[in-house]
N, C-alpha and C. Protein backbone atom coordinates (compact mmCIF):
# COMPACT_ATOMS: atom_id res chain seq x y z
N GLN A 1 -183.30 -106.82 114.95
CA GLN A 1 -183.80 -106.09 116.01
C GLN A 1 -182.16 -105.92 117.29
N PHE A 2 -182.10 -104.83 117.78
CA PHE A 2 -180.95 -104.84 118.53
C PHE A 2 -180.99 -105.19 120.23
N TYR A 3 -180.58 -105.81 120.70
CA TYR A 3 -180.54 -105.97 122.33
C TYR A 3 -178.81 -105.45 122.96
N GLY A 4 -179.24 -105.60 124.40
CA GLY A 4 -177.83 -105.21 124.75
C GLY A 4 -176.63 -106.30 124.54
N SER A 5 -177.40 -107.43 123.97
CA SER A 5 -176.17 -108.56 123.82
C SER A 5 -175.92 -108.61 122.22
N GLY A 6 -176.27 -107.73 121.83
CA GLY A 6 -176.11 -107.79 120.30
C GLY A 6 -177.16 -107.86 119.44
N SER A 7 -177.02 -108.45 117.94
CA SER A 7 -178.28 -108.07 117.10
C SER A 7 -178.66 -109.25 116.23
N THR A 8 -180.14 -109.05 116.29
CA THR A 8 -180.59 -110.50 115.36
C THR A 8 -181.15 -110.12 114.05
N LYS A 9 -181.74 -111.13 113.12
CA LYS A 9 -182.55 -110.90 112.42
C LYS A 9 -183.62 -111.73 112.29
N SER A 10 -184.65 -111.74 112.02
CA SER A 10 -185.82 -112.47 112.44
C SER A 10 -186.90 -112.17 111.01
N LEU A 11 -187.72 -113.44 110.92
CA LEU A 11 -188.79 -113.43 110.36
C LEU A 11 -190.03 -113.82 110.74
N GLU A 12 -191.20 -112.97 110.48
CA GLU A 12 -192.31 -113.64 111.36
C GLU A 12 -193.09 -114.36 110.70
N CYS A 13 -193.76 -115.66 111.36
CA CYS A 13 -194.05 -116.73 111.56
C CYS A 13 -195.25 -117.26 112.20
N TRP A 14 -195.70 -118.65 111.91
CA TRP A 14 -197.27 -118.79 112.45
C TRP A 14 -196.75 -120.30 112.70
N ASP A 15 -197.42 -120.88 114.08
CA ASP A 15 -197.45 -122.03 114.43
C ASP A 15 -198.48 -122.50 115.28
N ASP A 16 -199.18 -123.74 115.39
CA ASP A 16 -199.88 -124.36 116.14
C ASP A 16 -198.86 -124.51 117.76
N VAL A 17 -199.35 -123.80 118.90
CA VAL A 17 -198.73 -123.81 119.96
C VAL A 17 -199.28 -124.40 121.17
N GLU A 18 -199.14 -125.51 122.14
CA GLU A 18 -199.48 -125.79 122.80
C GLU A 18 -198.68 -126.04 124.01
N ALA A 19 -199.95 -125.36 125.17
CA ALA A 19 -198.62 -125.36 126.59
C ALA A 19 -200.08 -125.82 127.68
N GLY A 20 -199.49 -126.82 128.31
CA GLY A 20 -200.12 -127.67 128.95
C GLY A 20 -201.90 -127.82 128.39
N SER A 21 -203.01 -127.57 129.17
CA SER A 21 -204.12 -127.75 128.17
C SER A 21 -204.50 -126.84 127.36
N ARG A 22 -203.73 -125.43 127.24
CA ARG A 22 -204.37 -124.81 126.59
C ARG A 22 -203.28 -124.85 125.01
N LYS A 23 -203.99 -124.61 123.89
CA LYS A 23 -203.56 -124.11 122.70
C LYS A 23 -204.25 -123.15 122.01
N SER A 24 -203.24 -122.70 120.96
CA SER A 24 -203.38 -121.71 120.28
C SER A 24 -202.61 -121.72 118.43
N SER A 25 -204.00 -121.97 117.86
CA SER A 25 -203.63 -122.33 116.38
C SER A 25 -203.29 -120.60 115.60
N LYS A 26 -202.19 -121.03 114.92
CA LYS A 26 -201.38 -120.15 113.56
C LYS A 26 -201.16 -118.77 114.73
N GLN A 27 -200.18 -119.71 115.57
CA GLN A 27 -199.85 -118.38 116.58
C GLN A 27 -198.52 -117.59 115.52
N VAL A 28 -198.72 -116.27 116.01
CA VAL A 28 -197.53 -115.31 115.50
C VAL A 28 -196.44 -115.00 116.35
N PHE A 29 -195.06 -115.61 115.65
CA PHE A 29 -193.87 -115.47 116.85
C PHE A 29 -192.83 -114.70 116.11
N TRP A 30 -191.84 -114.48 116.29
CA TRP A 30 -190.47 -114.32 115.31
C TRP A 30 -189.26 -114.89 115.70
N LYS A 31 -189.13 -115.59 114.50
CA LYS A 31 -188.25 -116.64 114.25
C LYS A 31 -186.80 -116.10 113.96
N VAL A 32 -186.11 -116.29 114.90
CA VAL A 32 -184.76 -115.42 114.51
C VAL A 32 -183.76 -116.75 113.48
N PHE A 33 -183.44 -115.97 112.08
CA PHE A 33 -182.51 -116.97 111.50
C PHE A 33 -181.39 -116.33 111.46
N ASP A 34 -181.04 -115.22 111.94
CA ASP A 34 -179.31 -114.72 112.20
C ASP A 34 -179.27 -113.97 113.31
N ALA A 35 -177.98 -114.40 114.16
CA ALA A 35 -177.60 -113.64 115.34
C ALA A 35 -176.45 -113.30 115.56
N ASP A 36 -176.22 -111.84 115.93
CA ASP A 36 -174.58 -111.51 115.79
C ASP A 36 -174.64 -111.12 117.76
N MET A 37 -173.90 -112.28 118.69
CA MET A 37 -174.22 -111.92 119.70
C MET A 37 -173.29 -112.99 120.76
N SER A 38 -172.19 -112.24 120.86
CA SER A 38 -171.11 -113.01 121.15
C SER A 38 -171.69 -114.09 122.19
N LEU A 39 -172.36 -113.84 123.44
CA LEU A 39 -173.17 -114.80 124.03
C LEU A 39 -173.03 -116.62 123.53
N LEU A 40 -173.54 -116.32 122.42
CA LEU A 40 -174.20 -117.60 121.76
C LEU A 40 -172.76 -118.37 121.02
N GLN A 41 -171.69 -117.48 121.14
CA GLN A 41 -170.29 -118.19 120.61
C GLN A 41 -169.87 -118.86 122.27
N GLU A 42 -170.26 -118.44 123.04
CA GLU A 42 -169.38 -118.89 124.26
C GLU A 42 -170.63 -120.00 125.32
N SER A 43 -171.69 -120.14 124.54
CA SER A 43 -172.77 -120.91 125.40
C SER A 43 -173.50 -121.72 124.37
N SER A 44 -174.05 -122.87 124.77
CA SER A 44 -174.74 -123.62 124.14
C SER A 44 -176.34 -123.81 124.54
N PHE A 45 -176.81 -123.23 123.44
CA PHE A 45 -178.54 -122.91 123.75
C PHE A 45 -178.95 -123.76 122.38
N GLN A 46 -180.17 -124.64 123.22
CA GLN A 46 -181.11 -124.71 122.06
C GLN A 46 -182.06 -124.17 121.65
N ALA A 47 -182.56 -122.86 122.86
CA ALA A 47 -183.62 -121.76 122.28
C ALA A 47 -183.51 -121.05 123.36
N ILE A 48 -184.01 -119.83 122.89
CA ILE A 48 -184.15 -118.63 123.64
C ILE A 48 -185.44 -118.24 123.24
N VAL A 49 -187.02 -118.16 124.49
CA VAL A 49 -188.17 -117.63 124.30
C VAL A 49 -188.10 -116.69 124.97
N GLY A 50 -188.58 -115.65 124.58
CA GLY A 50 -189.18 -114.38 125.55
C GLY A 50 -190.51 -113.90 125.15
N LEU A 51 -190.96 -113.32 125.92
CA LEU A 51 -192.24 -112.56 125.38
C LEU A 51 -192.33 -111.17 125.92
N GLY A 52 -192.47 -110.01 125.09
CA GLY A 52 -192.50 -108.65 125.40
C GLY A 52 -193.97 -108.13 125.54
N PRO A 53 -193.64 -107.30 125.89
CA PRO A 53 -194.82 -106.39 126.48
C PRO A 53 -195.92 -106.46 125.42
N PRO A 54 -197.13 -106.88 125.49
CA PRO A 54 -198.54 -107.05 124.47
C PRO A 54 -198.25 -105.69 123.37
N GLN A 55 -198.10 -104.80 123.74
CA GLN A 55 -198.21 -103.50 123.11
C GLN A 55 -196.81 -103.22 122.23
N SER A 56 -196.04 -103.65 122.79
CA SER A 56 -194.77 -103.28 122.16
C SER A 56 -194.39 -103.26 120.66
N SER A 57 -194.55 -104.53 120.05
CA SER A 57 -194.81 -104.59 118.63
C SER A 57 -195.44 -103.59 117.80
N ILE A 58 -196.97 -103.06 118.47
CA ILE A 58 -197.91 -102.45 117.63
C ILE A 58 -196.93 -101.07 117.77
N THR A 59 -196.70 -100.20 119.06
CA THR A 59 -195.89 -99.12 119.43
C THR A 59 -194.45 -99.22 118.57
N LEU A 60 -193.74 -99.90 118.49
CA LEU A 60 -192.79 -99.77 117.50
C LEU A 60 -192.81 -99.80 116.15
N ALA A 61 -194.21 -100.37 115.50
CA ALA A 61 -194.48 -100.39 113.89
C ALA A 61 -194.99 -99.02 113.93
N GLN A 62 -195.67 -98.33 115.17
CA GLN A 62 -196.26 -97.22 114.82
C GLN A 62 -195.65 -95.86 114.71
N ASN A 63 -194.34 -96.21 115.76
CA ASN A 63 -193.39 -94.96 115.66
C ASN A 63 -192.52 -94.71 114.41
N ASP A 64 -192.01 -96.14 113.89
CA ASP A 64 -191.57 -96.36 112.42
C ASP A 64 -192.38 -95.41 111.62
N ALA A 65 -193.87 -95.55 111.24
CA ALA A 65 -194.52 -95.42 110.37
C ALA A 65 -194.47 -93.32 110.36
N GLN A 66 -194.50 -93.21 111.74
CA GLN A 66 -194.93 -92.27 112.26
C GLN A 66 -193.29 -91.20 111.75
N LEU A 67 -192.22 -91.85 112.32
CA LEU A 67 -190.48 -91.48 111.36
C LEU A 67 -191.00 -90.96 109.91
N ALA A 68 -191.20 -92.24 109.59
CA ALA A 68 -191.48 -92.19 107.75
C ALA A 68 -192.39 -90.96 107.33
N LYS A 69 -193.24 -90.58 107.96
CA LYS A 69 -194.41 -89.61 107.89
C LYS A 69 -193.38 -88.80 107.97
N LYS A 70 -192.56 -88.05 108.72
CA LYS A 70 -192.22 -87.00 109.36
C LYS A 70 -191.20 -86.74 107.95
N LYS A 71 -190.20 -87.88 107.81
CA LYS A 71 -189.05 -87.84 106.15
C LYS A 71 -189.68 -87.49 105.57
N LEU A 72 -190.60 -88.21 105.16
CA LEU A 72 -191.77 -87.84 103.65
C LEU A 72 -191.51 -86.05 103.78
N ALA A 73 -192.70 -85.48 104.59
CA ALA A 73 -192.77 -84.51 104.78
C ALA A 73 -191.68 -83.53 104.68
N SER A 74 -190.40 -83.72 104.84
CA SER A 74 -189.26 -83.02 105.17
C SER A 74 -188.55 -82.83 103.32
N LEU A 75 -188.98 -83.73 102.65
CA LEU A 75 -188.66 -84.00 101.14
C LEU A 75 -189.19 -83.04 100.47
N LYS A 76 -188.70 -82.98 99.15
CA LYS A 76 -189.58 -82.17 98.22
C LYS A 76 -190.21 -82.73 97.23
N ALA A 77 -191.28 -82.85 97.10
CA ALA A 77 -192.38 -83.30 96.35
C ALA A 77 -191.97 -83.84 94.89
N GLY A 78 -192.12 -85.11 94.32
CA GLY A 78 -191.57 -85.14 92.87
C GLY A 78 -190.30 -85.96 93.13
N SER A 79 -189.33 -85.31 93.84
CA SER A 79 -188.16 -85.58 93.72
C SER A 79 -187.67 -87.02 94.19
N PRO A 80 -186.89 -87.88 93.64
CA PRO A 80 -186.46 -89.26 93.59
C PRO A 80 -186.54 -89.80 95.15
N ALA A 81 -185.78 -88.82 95.80
CA ALA A 81 -186.03 -89.36 97.42
C ALA A 81 -187.15 -89.44 97.95
N TYR A 82 -188.11 -88.54 97.80
CA TYR A 82 -189.45 -88.10 97.95
C TYR A 82 -190.33 -89.65 97.72
N LYS A 83 -189.85 -89.76 96.42
CA LYS A 83 -190.81 -91.09 96.12
C LYS A 83 -190.33 -92.50 96.82
N GLU A 84 -188.93 -92.47 96.87
CA GLU A 84 -188.55 -93.86 97.58
C GLU A 84 -189.08 -93.91 98.86
N MET A 85 -189.13 -92.66 99.76
CA MET A 85 -189.45 -92.44 101.14
C MET A 85 -190.82 -92.42 100.67
N GLU A 86 -192.01 -92.28 100.06
CA GLU A 86 -193.22 -92.32 99.77
C GLU A 86 -193.55 -93.65 99.80
N LYS A 87 -192.98 -94.47 98.67
CA LYS A 87 -192.75 -95.99 98.99
C LYS A 87 -192.61 -96.61 100.59
N MET A 88 -191.34 -96.15 101.12
CA MET A 88 -191.02 -96.57 102.28
C MET A 88 -192.20 -96.29 103.60
N ALA A 89 -192.78 -95.08 103.54
CA ALA A 89 -193.55 -94.61 104.51
C ALA A 89 -194.86 -95.66 103.84
N ALA A 90 -195.73 -96.07 102.99
CA ALA A 90 -196.37 -96.53 102.85
C ALA A 90 -196.24 -98.10 103.27
N LEU A 91 -195.22 -98.61 103.36
CA LEU A 91 -194.62 -99.79 103.65
C LEU A 91 -195.00 -99.65 105.45
N TYR A 92 -194.11 -98.87 105.94
CA TYR A 92 -194.40 -98.89 107.35
C TYR A 92 -195.73 -98.93 108.01
N GLN A 93 -196.70 -98.14 106.84
CA GLN A 93 -198.04 -98.07 107.44
C GLN A 93 -198.71 -99.52 107.57
N THR A 94 -198.45 -100.21 106.49
CA THR A 94 -198.83 -101.29 106.21
C THR A 94 -198.59 -102.29 107.41
N ILE A 95 -197.16 -102.04 107.88
CA ILE A 95 -196.62 -102.87 108.99
C ILE A 95 -197.42 -102.73 110.23
N ALA A 96 -197.29 -101.46 110.64
CA ALA A 96 -198.02 -100.78 111.60
C ALA A 96 -199.54 -101.38 111.49
N GLU A 97 -200.45 -101.39 110.65
CA GLU A 97 -201.65 -101.97 110.42
C GLU A 97 -201.86 -103.36 110.96
N HIS A 98 -200.55 -104.25 110.23
CA HIS A 98 -200.74 -105.41 110.54
C HIS A 98 -200.28 -105.94 111.65
N ALA A 99 -199.33 -105.28 112.35
CA ALA A 99 -198.79 -105.60 114.01
C ALA A 99 -200.45 -104.91 114.62
N GLU A 100 -201.20 -104.27 114.48
CA GLU A 100 -202.53 -103.72 115.07
C GLU A 100 -203.51 -104.92 115.04
N LYS A 101 -203.13 -105.93 114.16
CA LYS A 101 -204.45 -106.96 114.19
C LYS A 101 -204.04 -108.18 114.71
N ALA A 102 -202.34 -108.50 114.69
CA ALA A 102 -201.93 -109.71 115.31
C ALA A 102 -202.55 -109.85 116.37
N THR A 103 -202.39 -110.70 117.46
CA THR A 103 -203.34 -111.22 118.70
C THR A 103 -202.01 -112.18 119.18
N SER A 104 -201.51 -111.69 120.81
CA SER A 104 -200.60 -112.04 121.11
C SER A 104 -200.42 -113.26 121.86
N PHE A 105 -199.48 -113.89 122.06
CA PHE A 105 -199.48 -115.13 122.82
C PHE A 105 -200.40 -115.54 123.90
N ALA A 106 -200.15 -114.30 124.57
CA ALA A 106 -201.16 -114.53 126.28
C ALA A 106 -202.39 -114.02 126.03
N LYS A 107 -202.91 -113.15 124.83
CA LYS A 107 -204.18 -112.98 124.65
C LYS A 107 -204.75 -114.61 124.15
N ASN A 108 -204.18 -115.02 123.20
CA ASN A 108 -204.81 -116.09 122.07
C ASN A 108 -204.86 -117.36 123.72
N MET A 109 -203.90 -117.28 124.68
CA MET A 109 -203.96 -118.30 125.39
C MET A 109 -204.91 -117.90 126.72
N GLN A 110 -205.37 -116.79 126.78
CA GLN A 110 -206.27 -116.23 127.82
C GLN A 110 -205.35 -116.12 129.49
N LEU A 111 -204.27 -115.61 129.03
CA LEU A 111 -203.64 -115.54 130.01
C LEU A 111 -203.54 -113.87 130.46
N GLU A 112 -203.32 -114.27 132.23
CA GLU A 112 -203.25 -112.87 132.67
C GLU A 112 -201.64 -112.67 133.24
N ALA A 113 -201.28 -113.72 133.85
CA ALA A 113 -200.03 -113.91 134.38
C ALA A 113 -199.72 -115.53 134.16
N PHE A 114 -198.42 -115.60 134.01
CA PHE A 114 -197.71 -117.30 134.04
C PHE A 114 -196.39 -117.37 134.02
N SER A 115 -195.97 -118.59 134.47
CA SER A 115 -194.36 -118.92 134.70
C SER A 115 -194.69 -120.36 133.90
N ILE A 116 -193.62 -120.75 133.54
CA ILE A 116 -192.80 -121.80 132.52
C ILE A 116 -191.49 -122.42 133.10
N CYS A 117 -191.45 -123.66 133.15
CA CYS A 117 -190.24 -124.52 133.69
C CYS A 117 -190.25 -125.58 132.74
N LEU A 118 -189.28 -125.82 131.85
CA LEU A 118 -189.01 -126.76 130.65
C LEU A 118 -188.11 -127.75 131.35
N GLY A 119 -189.02 -129.10 130.72
CA GLY A 119 -187.84 -130.08 131.22
C GLY A 119 -187.12 -130.14 130.05
N LYS A 120 -186.31 -131.37 130.26
CA LYS A 120 -185.32 -132.00 129.37
C LYS A 120 -185.63 -132.48 128.25
N LYS A 121 -186.76 -133.22 127.89
CA LYS A 121 -187.41 -134.32 127.08
C LYS A 121 -188.70 -133.73 126.67
N ALA A 122 -189.09 -133.98 125.30
CA ALA A 122 -190.36 -133.48 124.85
C ALA A 122 -191.22 -134.07 126.16
N GLY A 123 -192.22 -133.62 126.43
CA GLY A 123 -193.75 -133.80 127.45
C GLY A 123 -192.77 -133.96 128.93
N SER A 124 -191.73 -134.49 129.39
CA SER A 124 -191.15 -134.24 130.74
C SER A 124 -191.70 -133.06 131.48
N ASP A 125 -191.64 -133.40 133.00
CA ASP A 125 -191.85 -132.64 133.88
C ASP A 125 -190.45 -131.27 133.56
N GLY A 126 -191.05 -130.11 134.21
CA GLY A 126 -190.09 -129.14 134.41
C GLY A 126 -189.01 -129.58 135.35
N TYR A 127 -187.96 -128.73 135.77
CA TYR A 127 -187.01 -128.74 136.60
C TYR A 127 -186.30 -127.42 137.31
N PHE A 128 -185.78 -127.33 138.16
CA PHE A 128 -185.24 -125.96 138.61
C PHE A 128 -183.73 -126.23 138.65
């Protein structure tokens, strides 16, 4: 993923999540395992947490699948490049279908709007 402040590499993960009295089992999230961001060199973070628009991962995956299909259509059938792109198009289609089936954190928690304030210690009250 690329952001204004740099890039990250991440893996799709699952975990049980609790926020107040609400719980979500096997919640899907993206865990960053590598980040190239100068901001991280100059600051100390314990975590960076963000929630994107609910449809964003689906839209991105669908766009990637469409681009791969378009590229495939431009190649000569049977050529090595075509065969390789055919595999990529199938992979992107599988990723798009997977994204369509995943349930967002907000939906799992039955949230329409929220805010969060984290404390310094686990289970402590939040602060500003």
